[in-house]
PDB file of N, CA and C in Angstrom:
ATOM      1  N   MET A   1      -5.514  18.595  18.314  1.00  0.00           N
ATOM      2  CA  MET A   1      -4.485  17.591  18.128  1.00  0.00           C
ATOM      3  C   MET A   1      -5.082  16.190  18.207  1.00  0.00           C
ATOM      4  N   ALA A   2      -6.003  15.990  19.137  1.00  0.00           N
ATOM      5  CA  ALA A   2      -6.624  14.671  19.272  1.00  0.00           C
ATOM      6  C   ALA A   2      -7.389  14.301  18.006  1.00  0.00           C
ATOM      7  N   GLY A   3      -8.015  15.286  17.377  1.00  0.00           N
ATOM      8  CA  GLY A   3      -8.739  15.024  16.134  1.00  0.00           C
ATOM      9  C   GLY A   3      -7.812  14.549  15.026  1.00  0.00           C
ATOM     10  N   LEU A   4      -6.628  15.137  14.950  1.00  0.00           N
ATOM     11  CA  LEU A   4      -5.649  14.698  13.951  1.00  0.00           C
ATOM     12  C   LEU A   4      -5.174  13.276  14.222  1.00  0.00           C
ATOM     13  N   LEU A   5      -5.009  12.947  15.497  1.00  0.00           N
ATOM     14  CA  LEU A   5      -4.597  11.587  15.834  1.00  0.00           C
ATOM     15  C   LEU A   5      -5.672  10.578  15.448  1.00  0.00           C
ATOM     16  N   VAL A   6      -6.926  10.924  15.684  1.00  0.00           N
ATOM     17  CA  VAL A   6      -8.024  10.035  15.290  1.00  0.00           C
ATOM     18  C   VAL A   6      -8.052   9.898  13.774  1.00  0.00           C
ATOM     19  N   LEU A   7      -7.904  11.002  13.066  1.00  0.00           N
ATOM     20  CA  LEU A   7      -7.933  10.975  11.607  1.00  0.00           C
ATOM     21  C   LEU A   7      -6.817  10.092  11.041  1.00  0.00           C
ATOM     22  N   THR A   8      -5.612  10.218  11.569  1.00  0.00           N
ATOM     23  CA  THR A   8      -4.512   9.392  11.062  1.00  0.00           C
ATOM     24  C   THR A   8      -4.666   7.932  11.458  1.00  0.00           C
ATOM     25  N   GLY A   9      -5.392   7.662  12.509  1.00  0.00           N
ATOM     26  CA  GLY A   9      -5.598   6.281  12.934  1.00  0.00           C
ATOM     27  C   GLY A   9      -6.703   5.561  12.190  1.00  0.00           C
ATOM     28  N   LEU A  10      -7.469   6.277  11.367  1.00  0.00           N
ATOM     29  CA  LEU A  10      -8.574   5.650  10.643  1.00  0.00           C
ATOM     30  C   LEU A  10      -8.110   4.791   9.474  1.00  0.00           C
ATOM     31  N   PHE A  11      -6.981   5.094   8.897  1.00  0.00           N
ATOM     32  CA  PHE A  11      -6.586   4.468   7.639  1.00  0.00           C
ATOM     33  C   PHE A  11      -5.729   3.209   7.742  1.00  0.00           C
ATOM     34  N   PRO A  12      -4.872   3.043   8.728  1.00  0.00           N
ATOM     35  CA  PRO A  12      -4.016   1.845   8.722  1.00  0.00           C
ATOM     36  C   PRO A  12      -4.779   0.519   8.747  1.00  0.00           C
ATOM     37  N   ALA A  13      -5.821   0.402   9.527  1.00  0.00           N
ATOM     38  CA  ALA A  13      -6.536  -0.881   9.611  1.00  0.00           C
ATOM     39  C   ALA A  13      -7.143  -1.294   8.273  1.00  0.00           C
ATOM     40  N   PRO A  14      -7.878  -0.423   7.564  1.00  0.00           N
ATOM     41  CA  PRO A  14      -8.406  -0.846   6.264  1.00  0.00           C
ATOM     42  C   PRO A  14      -7.312  -1.126   5.235  1.00  0.00           C
ATOM     43  N   VAL A  15      -6.246  -0.348   5.260  1.00  0.00           N
ATOM     44  CA  VAL A  15      -5.156  -0.570   4.303  1.00  0.00           C
ATOM     45  C   VAL A  15      -4.502  -1.923   4.559  1.00  0.00           C
ATOM     46  N   LEU A  16      -4.240  -2.238   5.817  1.00  0.00           N
ATOM     47  CA  LEU A  16      -3.642  -3.533   6.140  1.00  0.00           C
ATOM     48  C   LEU A  16      -4.580  -4.679   5.782  1.00  0.00           C
ATOM     49  N   THR A  17      -5.870  -4.502   6.050  1.00  0.00           N
ATOM     50  CA  THR A  17      -6.842  -5.542   5.722  1.00  0.00           C
ATOM     51  C   THR A  17      -6.860  -5.822   4.228  1.00  0.00           C
ATOM     52  N   VAL A  18      -6.957  -4.781   3.430  1.00  0.00           N
ATOM     53  CA  VAL A  18      -6.990  -4.952   1.975  1.00  0.00           C
ATOM     54  C   VAL A  18      -5.678  -5.554   1.476  1.00  0.00           C
ATOM     55  N   SER A  19      -4.560  -5.115   2.025  1.00  0.00           N
ATOM     56  CA  SER A  19      -3.258  -5.650   1.606  1.00  0.00           C
ATOM     57  C   SER A  19      -3.177  -7.152   1.851  1.00  0.00           C
ATOM     58  N   PHE A  20      -3.567  -7.578   3.034  1.00  0.00           N
ATOM     59  CA  PHE A  20      -3.477  -8.998   3.355  1.00  0.00           C
ATOM     60  C   PHE A  20      -4.484  -9.823   2.562  1.00  0.00           C
ATOM     61  N   VAL A  21      -5.676  -9.289   2.326  1.00  0.00           N
ATOM     62  CA  VAL A  21      -6.664 -10.012   1.514  1.00  0.00           C
ATOM     63  C   VAL A  21      -6.156 -10.173   0.084  1.00  0.00           C
ATOM     64  N   LEU A  22      -5.618  -9.099  -0.488  1.00  0.00           N
ATOM     65  CA  LEU A  22      -5.094  -9.181  -1.856  1.00  0.00           C
ATOM     66  C   LEU A  22      -3.945 -10.177  -1.969  1.00  0.00           C
ATOM     67  N   VAL A  23      -3.036 -10.153  -1.015  1.00  0.00           N
ATOM     68  CA  VAL A  23      -1.924 -11.102  -1.057  1.00  0.00           C
ATOM     69  C   VAL A  23      -2.453 -12.527  -0.943  1.00  0.00           C
ATOM     70  N   GLY A  24      -3.416 -12.742  -0.060  1.00  0.00           N
ATOM     71  CA  GLY A  24      -3.990 -14.073   0.085  1.00  0.00           C
ATOM     72  C   GLY A  24      -4.680 -14.557  -1.177  1.00  0.00           C
ATOM     73  N   GLU A  25      -5.336 -13.649  -1.897  1.00  0.00           N
ATOM     74  CA  GLU A  25      -6.046 -14.023  -3.124  1.00  0.00           C
ATOM     75  C   GLU A  25      -5.108 -14.189  -4.314  1.00  0.00           C
ATOM     76  N   LEU A  26      -4.079 -13.368  -4.399  1.00  0.00           N
ATOM     77  CA  LEU A  26      -3.239 -13.341  -5.595  1.00  0.00           C
ATOM     78  C   LEU A  26      -2.040 -14.277  -5.542  1.00  0.00           C
ATOM     79  N   ALA A  27      -1.652 -14.709  -4.354  1.00  0.00           N
ATOM     80  CA  ALA A  27      -0.490 -15.593  -4.250  1.00  0.00           C
ATOM     81  C   ALA A  27      -0.829 -16.968  -4.823  1.00  0.00           C
ATOM     82  N   PRO A  28       0.068 -17.523  -5.619  1.00  0.00           N
ATOM     83  CA  PRO A  28      -0.168 -18.872  -6.155  1.00  0.00           C
ATOM     84  C   PRO A  28      -0.256 -19.898  -5.023  1.00  0.00           C
ATOM     85  N   ALA A  29      -0.977 -20.967  -5.274  1.00  0.00           N
ATOM     86  CA  ALA A  29      -1.133 -22.024  -4.272  1.00  0.00           C
ATOM     87  C   ALA A  29       0.241 -22.529  -3.831  1.00  0.00           C
ATOM     88  N   GLY A  30       0.396 -22.694  -2.533  1.00  0.00           N
ATOM     89  CA  GLY A  30       1.654 -23.179  -1.991  1.00  0.00           C
ATOM     90  C   GLY A  30       2.665 -22.093  -1.680  1.00  0.00           C
ATOM     91  N   THR A  31       2.348 -20.848  -2.017  1.00  0.00           N
ATOM     92  CA  THR A  31       3.296 -19.754  -1.761  1.00  0.00           C
ATOM     93  C   THR A  31       2.694 -18.658  -0.888  1.00  0.00           C
ATOM     94  N   VAL A  32       1.535 -18.930  -0.306  1.00  0.00           N
ATOM     95  CA  VAL A  32       0.844 -17.885   0.465  1.00  0.00           C
ATOM     96  C   VAL A  32       1.669 -17.451   1.672  1.00  0.00           C
ATOM     97  N   THR A  33       2.257 -18.400   2.391  1.00  0.00           N
ATOM     98  CA  THR A  33       3.056 -18.047   3.565  1.00  0.00           C
ATOM     99  C   THR A  33       4.239 -17.176   3.173  1.00  0.00           C
ATOM    100  N   GLU A  34       4.909 -17.539   2.097  1.00  0.00           N
ATOM    101  CA  GLU A  34       6.039 -16.735   1.625  1.00  0.00           C
ATOM    102  C   GLU A  34       5.576 -15.345   1.193  1.00  0.00           C
ATOM    103  N   ALA A  35       4.419 -15.275   0.541  1.00  0.00           N
ATOM    104  CA  ALA A  35       3.888 -13.981   0.101  1.00  0.00           C
ATOM    105  C   ALA A  35       3.583 -13.082   1.296  1.00  0.00           C
ATOM    106  N   PHE A  36       2.987 -13.659   2.351  1.00  0.00           N
ATOM    107  CA  PHE A  36       2.714 -12.865   3.552  1.00  0.00           C
ATOM    108  C   PHE A  36       4.017 -12.422   4.215  1.00  0.00           C
ATOM    109  N   ALA A  37       5.017 -13.295   4.223  1.00  0.00           N
ATOM    110  CA  ALA A  37       6.310 -12.932   4.808  1.00  0.00           C
ATOM    111  C   ALA A  37       6.940 -11.771   4.044  1.00  0.00           C
ATOM    112  N   TRP A  38       6.855 -11.804   2.711  1.00  0.00           N
ATOM    113  CA  TRP A  38       7.385 -10.699   1.912  1.00  0.00           C
ATOM    114  C   TRP A  38       6.613  -9.410   2.178  1.00  0.00           C
ATOM    115  N   LEU A  39       5.297  -9.518   2.307  1.00  0.00           N
ATOM    116  CA  LEU A  39       4.485  -8.328   2.580  1.00  0.00           C
ATOM    117  C   LEU A  39       4.906  -7.677   3.890  1.00  0.00           C
ATOM    118  N   VAL A  40       5.026  -8.473   4.940  1.00  0.00           N
ATOM    119  CA  VAL A  40       5.406  -7.925   6.248  1.00  0.00           C
ATOM    120  C   VAL A  40       6.829  -7.371   6.204  1.00  0.00           C
ATOM    121  N   THR A  41       7.734  -8.072   5.526  1.00  0.00           N
ATOM    122  CA  THR A  41       9.117  -7.599   5.407  1.00  0.00           C
ATOM    123  C   THR A  41       9.175  -6.253   4.696  1.00  0.00           C
ATOM    124  N   LEU A  42       8.461  -6.142   3.585  1.00  0.00           N
ATOM    125  CA  LEU A  42       8.478  -4.888   2.831  1.00  0.00           C
ATOM    126  C   LEU A  42       7.804  -3.753   3.596  1.00  0.00           C
ATOM    127  N   MET A  43       6.721  -4.063   4.322  1.00  0.00           N
ATOM    128  CA  MET A  43       6.053  -3.006   5.098  1.00  0.00           C
ATOM    129  C   MET A  43       6.957  -2.487   6.206  1.00  0.00           C
ATOM    130  N   THR A  44       7.586  -3.394   6.955  1.00  0.00           N
ATOM    131  CA  THR A  44       8.442  -2.931   8.050  1.00  0.00           C
ATOM    132  C   THR A  44       9.695  -2.239   7.522  1.00  0.00           C
ATOM    133  N   SER A  45      10.236  -2.722   6.404  1.00  0.00           N
ATOM    134  CA  SER A  45      11.398  -2.049   5.806  1.00  0.00           C
ATOM    135  C   SER A  45      11.027  -0.649   5.330  1.00  0.00           C
ATOM    136  N   GLY A  46       9.863  -0.524   4.720  1.00  0.00           N
ATOM    137  CA  GLY A  46       9.402   0.785   4.265  1.00  0.00           C
ATOM    138  C   GLY A  46       9.198   1.756   5.414  1.00  0.00           C
ATOM    139  N   MET A  47       8.628   1.255   6.517  1.00  0.00           N
ATOM    140  CA  MET A  47       8.439   2.126   7.682  1.00  0.00           C
ATOM    141  C   MET A  47       9.779   2.565   8.260  1.00  0.00           C
ATOM    142  N   ALA A  48      10.731   1.641   8.335  1.00  0.00           N
ATOM    143  CA  ALA A  48      12.044   1.981   8.886  1.00  0.00           C
ATOM    144  C   ALA A  48      12.771   2.985   7.997  1.00  0.00           C
ATOM    145  N   LEU A  49      12.775   2.732   6.690  1.00  0.00           N
ATOM    146  CA  LEU A  49      13.448   3.661   5.775  1.00  0.00           C
ATOM    147  C   LEU A  49      12.747   5.012   5.731  1.00  0.00           C
ATOM    148  N   GLY A  50      11.421   5.001   5.748  1.00  0.00           N
ATOM    149  CA  GLY A  50      10.670   6.256   5.748  1.00  0.00           C
ATOM    150  C   GLY A  50      10.921   7.068   7.007  1.00  0.00           C
ATOM    151  N   SER A  51      10.959   6.392   8.155  1.00  0.00           N
ATOM    152  CA  SER A  51      11.231   7.088   9.412  1.00  0.00           C
ATOM    153  C   SER A  51      12.625   7.696   9.411  1.00  0.00           C
ATOM    154  N   ALA A  52      13.592   6.947   8.907  1.00  0.00           N
ATOM    155  CA  ALA A  52      14.960   7.471   8.845  1.00  0.00           C
ATOM    156  C   ALA A  52      15.049   8.667   7.904  1.00  0.00           C
ATOM    157  N   ALA A  53      14.393   8.567   6.760  1.00  0.00           N
ATOM    158  CA  ALA A  53      14.434   9.667   5.788  1.00  0.00           C
ATOM    159  C   ALA A  53      13.770  10.918   6.343  1.00  0.00           C
ATOM    160  N   VAL A  54      12.610  10.760   6.959  1.00  0.00           N
ATOM    161  CA  VAL A  54      11.914  11.921   7.521  1.00  0.00           C
ATOM    162  C   VAL A  54      12.711  12.503   8.684  1.00  0.00           C
ATOM    163  N   GLY A  55      13.376  11.658   9.450  1.00  0.00           N
ATOM    164  CA  GLY A  55      14.230  12.156  10.526  1.00  0.00           C
ATOM    165  C   GLY A  55      15.349  13.038  10.001  1.00  0.00           C
ATOM    166  N   LEU A  56      15.969  12.612   8.909  1.00  0.00           N
ATOM    167  CA  LEU A  56      17.024  13.434   8.298  1.00  0.00           C
ATOM    168  C   LEU A  56      16.466  14.751   7.767  1.00  0.00           C
ATOM    169  N   VAL A  57      15.316  14.672   7.109  1.00  0.00           N
ATOM    170  CA  VAL A  57      14.699  15.892   6.578  1.00  0.00           C
ATOM    171  C   VAL A  57      14.317  16.821   7.726  1.00  0.00           C
ATOM    172  N   LEU A  58      13.788  16.272   8.797  1.00  0.00           N
ATOM    173  CA  LEU A  58      13.401  17.081   9.955  1.00  0.00           C
ATOM    174  C   LEU A  58      14.616  17.765  10.566  1.00  0.00           C
ATOM    175  N   GLU A  59      15.696  17.023  10.693  1.00  0.00           N
ATOM    176  CA  GLU A  59      16.905  17.585  11.300  1.00  0.00           C
ATOM    177  C   GLU A  59      17.519  18.690  10.447  1.00  0.00           C
ATOM    178  N   HIS A  60      17.523  18.506   9.138  1.00  0.00           N
ATOM    179  CA  HIS A  60      18.202  19.462   8.262  1.00  0.00           C
ATOM    180  C   HIS A  60      17.271  20.482   7.604  1.00  0.00           C
ATOM    181  N   GLY A  61      15.975  20.170   7.509  1.00  0.00           N
ATOM    182  CA  GLY A  61      15.073  21.066   6.797  1.00  0.00           C
ATOM    183  C   GLY A  61      13.968  21.663   7.640  1.00  0.00           C
ATOM    184  N   GLY A  62      13.768  21.132   8.832  1.00  0.00           N
ATOM    185  CA  GLY A  62      12.730  21.662   9.697  1.00  0.00           C
ATOM    186  C   GLY A  62      11.407  20.923   9.556  1.00  0.00           C
ATOM    187  N   PRO A  63      10.464  21.282  10.429  1.00  0.00           N
ATOM    188  CA  PRO A  63       9.184  20.569  10.483  1.00  0.00           C
ATOM    189  C   PRO A  63       8.332  20.694   9.225  1.00  0.00           C
ATOM    190  N   SER A  64       8.359  21.847   8.571  1.00  0.00           N
ATOM    191  CA  SER A  64       7.494  22.012   7.399  1.00  0.00           C
ATOM    192  C   SER A  64       7.943  21.104   6.254  1.00  0.00           C
ATOM    193  N   ARG A  65       9.227  20.969   6.068  1.00  0.00           N
ATOM    194  CA  ARG A  65       9.720  20.062   5.017  1.00  0.00           C
ATOM    195  C   ARG A  65       9.482  18.605   5.404  1.00  0.00           C
ATOM    196  N   ALA A  66       9.588  18.299   6.684  1.00  0.00           N
ATOM    197  CA  ALA A  66       9.312  16.931   7.129  1.00  0.00           C
ATOM    198  C   ALA A  66       7.848  16.583   6.892  1.00  0.00           C
ATOM    199  N   ALA A  67       6.953  17.537   7.126  1.00  0.00           N
ATOM    200  CA  ALA A  67       5.533  17.302   6.849  1.00  0.00           C
ATOM    201  C   ALA A  67       5.303  17.119   5.360  1.00  0.00           C
ATOM    202  N   GLY A  68       6.090  17.795   4.548  1.00  0.00           N
ATOM    203  CA  GLY A  68       5.998  17.625   3.101  1.00  0.00           C
ATOM    204  C   GLY A  68       6.327  16.206   2.666  1.00  0.00           C
ATOM    205  N   CYS A  69       7.129  15.503   3.447  1.00  0.00           N
ATOM    206  CA  CYS A  69       7.432  14.100   3.138  1.00  0.00           C
ATOM    207  C   CYS A  69       6.161  13.259   3.170  1.00  0.00           C
ATOM    208  N   GLY A  70       5.236  13.600   4.047  1.00  0.00           N
ATOM    209  CA  GLY A  70       3.964  12.882   4.090  1.00  0.00           C
ATOM    210  C   GLY A  70       3.171  13.075   2.815  1.00  0.00           C
ATOM    211  N   VAL A  71       3.180  14.291   2.299  1.00  0.00           N
ATOM    212  CA  VAL A  71       2.476  14.578   1.042  1.00  0.00           C
ATOM    213  C   VAL A  71       3.114  13.802  -0.104  1.00  0.00           C
ATOM    214  N   VAL A  72       4.433  13.767  -0.133  1.00  0.00           N
ATOM    215  CA  VAL A  72       5.134  13.003  -1.174  1.00  0.00           C
ATOM    216  C   VAL A  72       4.796  11.519  -1.050  1.00  0.00           C
ATOM    217  N   GLY A  73       4.795  11.010   0.167  1.00  0.00           N
ATOM    218  CA  GLY A  73       4.462   9.603   0.384  1.00  0.00           C
ATOM    219  C   GLY A  73       3.052   9.266  -0.059  1.00  0.00           C
ATOM    220  N   LEU A  74       2.097  10.133   0.262  1.00  0.00           N
ATOM    221  CA  LEU A  74       0.712   9.914  -0.173  1.00  0.00           C
ATOM    222  C   LEU A  74       0.587   9.952  -1.687  1.00  0.00           C
ATOM    223  N   THR A  75       1.295  10.880  -2.315  1.00  0.00           N
ATOM    224  CA  THR A  75       1.235  10.990  -3.774  1.00  0.00           C
ATOM    225  C   THR A  75       1.807   9.746  -4.445  1.00  0.00           C
ATOM    226  N   VAL A  76       2.961   9.303  -3.980  1.00  0.00           N
ATOM    227  CA  VAL A  76       3.574   8.099  -4.551  1.00  0.00           C
ATOM    228  C   VAL A  76       2.674   6.887  -4.326  1.00  0.00           C
ATOM    229  N   SER A  77       2.099   6.778  -3.140  1.00  0.00           N
ATOM    230  CA  SER A  77       1.197   5.659  -2.844  1.00  0.00           C
ATOM    231  C   SER A  77      -0.023   5.675  -3.743  1.00  0.00           C
ATOM    232  N   ALA A  78      -0.608   6.843  -3.940  1.00  0.00           N
ATOM    233  CA  ALA A  78      -1.793   6.947  -4.800  1.00  0.00           C
ATOM    234  C   ALA A  78      -1.460   6.567  -6.240  1.00  0.00           C
ATOM    235  N   LEU A  79      -0.310   7.013  -6.729  1.00  0.00           N
ATOM    236  CA  LEU A  79       0.096   6.657  -8.093  1.00  0.00           C
ATOM    237  C   LEU A  79       0.336   5.156  -8.233  1.00  0.00           C
ATOM    238  N   MET A  80       0.933   4.555  -7.226  1.00  0.00           N
ATOM    239  CA  MET A  80       1.163   3.110  -7.264  1.00  0.00           C
ATOM    240  C   MET A  80      -0.155   2.347  -7.218  1.00  0.00           C
ATOM    241  N   LEU A  81      -1.096   2.822  -6.414  1.00  0.00           N
ATOM    242  CA  LEU A  81      -2.410   2.172  -6.355  1.00  0.00           C
ATOM    243  C   LEU A  81      -3.135   2.267  -7.685  1.00  0.00           C
ATOM    244  N   LEU A  82      -3.077   3.421  -8.318  1.00  0.00           N
ATOM    245  CA  LEU A  82      -3.732   3.570  -9.621  1.00  0.00           C
ATOM    246  C   LEU A  82      -3.096   2.664 -10.671  1.00  0.00           C
ATOM    247  N   ALA A  83      -1.777   2.582 -10.665  1.00  0.00           N
ATOM    248  CA  ALA A  83      -1.090   1.706 -11.619  1.00  0.00           C
ATOM    249  C   ALA A  83      -1.419   0.244 -11.341  1.00  0.00           C
ATOM    250  N   GLY A  84      -1.453  -0.134 -10.090  1.00  0.00           N
ATOM    251  CA  GLY A  84      -1.757  -1.512  -9.732  1.00  0.00           C
ATOM    252  C   GLY A  84      -3.204  -1.883  -9.962  1.00  0.00           C
ATOM    253  N   GLN A  85      -4.098  -0.908  -9.840  1.00  0.00           N
ATOM    254  CA  GLN A  85      -5.526  -1.178 -10.021  1.00  0.00           C
ATOM    255  C   GLN A  85      -5.817  -1.638 -11.447  1.00  0.00           C
ATOM    256  N   SER A  86      -5.225  -0.997 -12.425  1.00  0.00           N
ATOM    257  CA  SER A  86      -5.471  -1.406 -13.810  1.00  0.00           C
ATOM    258  C   SER A  86      -4.899  -2.796 -14.070  1.00  0.00           C
ATOM    259  N   ARG A  87      -3.778  -3.101 -13.468  1.00  0.00           N
ATOM    260  CA  ARG A  87      -3.193  -4.439 -13.634  1.00  0.00           C
ATOM    261  C   ARG A  87      -4.063  -5.496 -12.967  1.00  0.00           C
ATOM    262  N   LEU A  88      -4.566  -5.207 -11.770  1.00  0.00           N
ATOM    263  CA  LEU A  88      -5.452  -6.150 -11.086  1.00  0.00           C
ATOM    264  C   LEU A  88      -6.721  -6.382 -11.884  1.00  0.00           C
ATOM    265  N   ALA A  89      -7.282  -5.316 -12.439  1.00  0.00           N
ATOM    266  CA  ALA A  89      -8.506  -5.451 -13.232  1.00  0.00           C
ATOM    267  C   ALA A  89      -8.252  -6.318 -14.454  1.00  0.00           C
ATOM    268  N   ALA A  90      -7.113  -6.135 -15.106  1.00  0.00           N
ATOM    269  CA  ALA A  90      -6.785  -6.945 -16.282  1.00  0.00           C
ATOM    270  C   ALA A  90      -6.581  -8.405 -15.895  1.00  0.00           C
ATOM    271  N   ASP A  91      -5.905  -8.653 -14.765  1.00  0.00           N
ATOM    272  CA  ASP A  91      -5.689 -10.022 -14.303  1.00  0.00           C
ATOM    273  C   ASP A  91      -7.006 -10.702 -13.951  1.00  0.00           C
ATOM    274  N   ARG A  92      -7.893  -9.979 -13.288  1.00  0.00           N
ATOM    275  CA  ARG A  92      -9.186 -10.568 -12.914  1.00  0.00           C
ATOM    276  C   ARG A  92     -10.033 -10.862 -14.143  1.00  0.00           C
ATOM    277  N   GLN A  93      -9.967  -9.986 -15.135  1.00  0.00           N
ATOM    278  CA  GLN A  93     -10.741 -10.216 -16.348  1.00  0.00           C
ATOM    279  C   GLN A  93     -10.192 -11.427 -17.097  1.00  0.00           C
ATOM    280  N   ALA A  94      -8.890 -11.598 -17.109  1.00  0.00           N
ATOM    281  CA  ALA A  94      -8.282 -12.747 -17.784  1.00  0.00           C
ATOM    282  C   ALA A  94      -8.626 -14.053 -17.074  1.00  0.00           C
ATOM    283  N   ASP A  95      -8.796 -13.993 -15.740  1.00  0.00           N
ATOM    284  CA  ASP A  95      -9.120 -15.185 -14.967  1.00  0.00           C
ATOM    285  C   ASP A  95     -10.601 -15.517 -14.974  1.00  0.00           C
ATOM    286  N   ALA A  96     -11.451 -14.594 -15.433  1.00  0.00           N
ATOM    287  CA  ALA A  96     -12.900 -14.820 -15.416  1.00  0.00           C
ATOM    288  C   ALA A  96     -13.260 -15.933 -16.397  1.00  0.00           C
ATOM    289  N   PRO A  97     -14.241 -16.763 -16.033  1.00  0.00           N
ATOM    290  CA  PRO A  97     -14.682 -17.803 -16.963  1.00  0.00           C
ATOM    291  C   PRO A  97     -15.270 -17.186 -18.227  1.00  0.00           C
ATOM    292  N   ALA A  98     -15.173 -17.895 -19.331  1.00  0.00           N
ATOM    293  CA  ALA A  98     -15.631 -17.371 -20.621  1.00  0.00           C
ATOM    294  C   ALA A  98     -17.110 -17.032 -20.601  1.00  0.00           C
ATOM    295  N   SER A  99     -17.918 -17.773 -19.851  1.00  0.00           N
ATOM    296  CA  SER A  99     -19.353 -17.504 -19.812  1.00  0.00           C
ATOM    297  C   SER A  99     -19.673 -16.223 -19.059  1.00  0.00           C
ATOM    298  N   ALA A 100     -18.769 -15.804 -18.157  1.00  0.00           N
ATOM    299  CA  ALA A 100     -19.019 -14.599 -17.370  1.00  0.00           C
ATOM    300  C   ALA A 100     -18.554 -13.340 -18.090  1.00  0.00           C
ATOM    301  N   VAL A 101     -17.764 -13.489 -19.132  1.00  0.00           N
ATOM    302  CA  VAL A 101     -17.242 -12.330 -19.856  1.00  0.00           C
ATOM    303  C   VAL A 101     -18.277 -11.872 -20.871  1.00  0.00           C
ATOM    304  N   SER A 102     -18.587 -10.608 -20.832  1.00  0.00           N
ATOM    305  CA  SER A 102     -19.575 -10.037 -21.747  1.00  0.00           C
ATOM    306  C   SER A 102     -18.971  -9.873 -23.135  1.00  0.00           C
ATOM    307  N   THR A 103     -19.762 -10.138 -24.164  1.00  0.00           N
ATOM    308  CA  THR A 103     -19.285  -9.974 -25.541  1.00  0.00           C
ATOM    309  C   THR A 103     -19.957  -8.800 -26.229  1.00  0.00           C
ATOM    310  N   ALA A 104     -20.508  -7.879 -25.461  1.00  0.00           N
ATOM    311  CA  ALA A 104     -21.243  -6.750 -26.040  1.00  0.00           C
ATOM    312  C   ALA A 104     -20.354  -5.772 -26.714  1.00  0.00           C
TER     313      ALA A 104
END
C-alpha cells in the first residue's frame, strides 16, 4: 500500500509545475494574474466535481467501478494533452522568428 501511495504522489508536483509554467508563458502581458487565478479555480473545481462524482459511483457501483473512474480520468487527460500538444506546437512555430524557421 505504501508503494502505491508513493507512486501516486510522484505525478502531482511535475504536473502542477508544467501547468503553471505554461500559463505563465502563454498568458498575454497584463493578464498573467488572471490566468493563474483561472488555473487554480479550474483545478479546484475539477477536484471537487471529480471527488463528488467518484463518491456517487463508489456508493452506487462499488469500489471496482470507482477505481474505473481513475482510468477514465487518465484517458480523458491524455487525450486532452495530445490535442493541446499539437496546438502548442503550432503556436510556438508561428511565434518563431523567420530566421529560426527552417525552409528545408
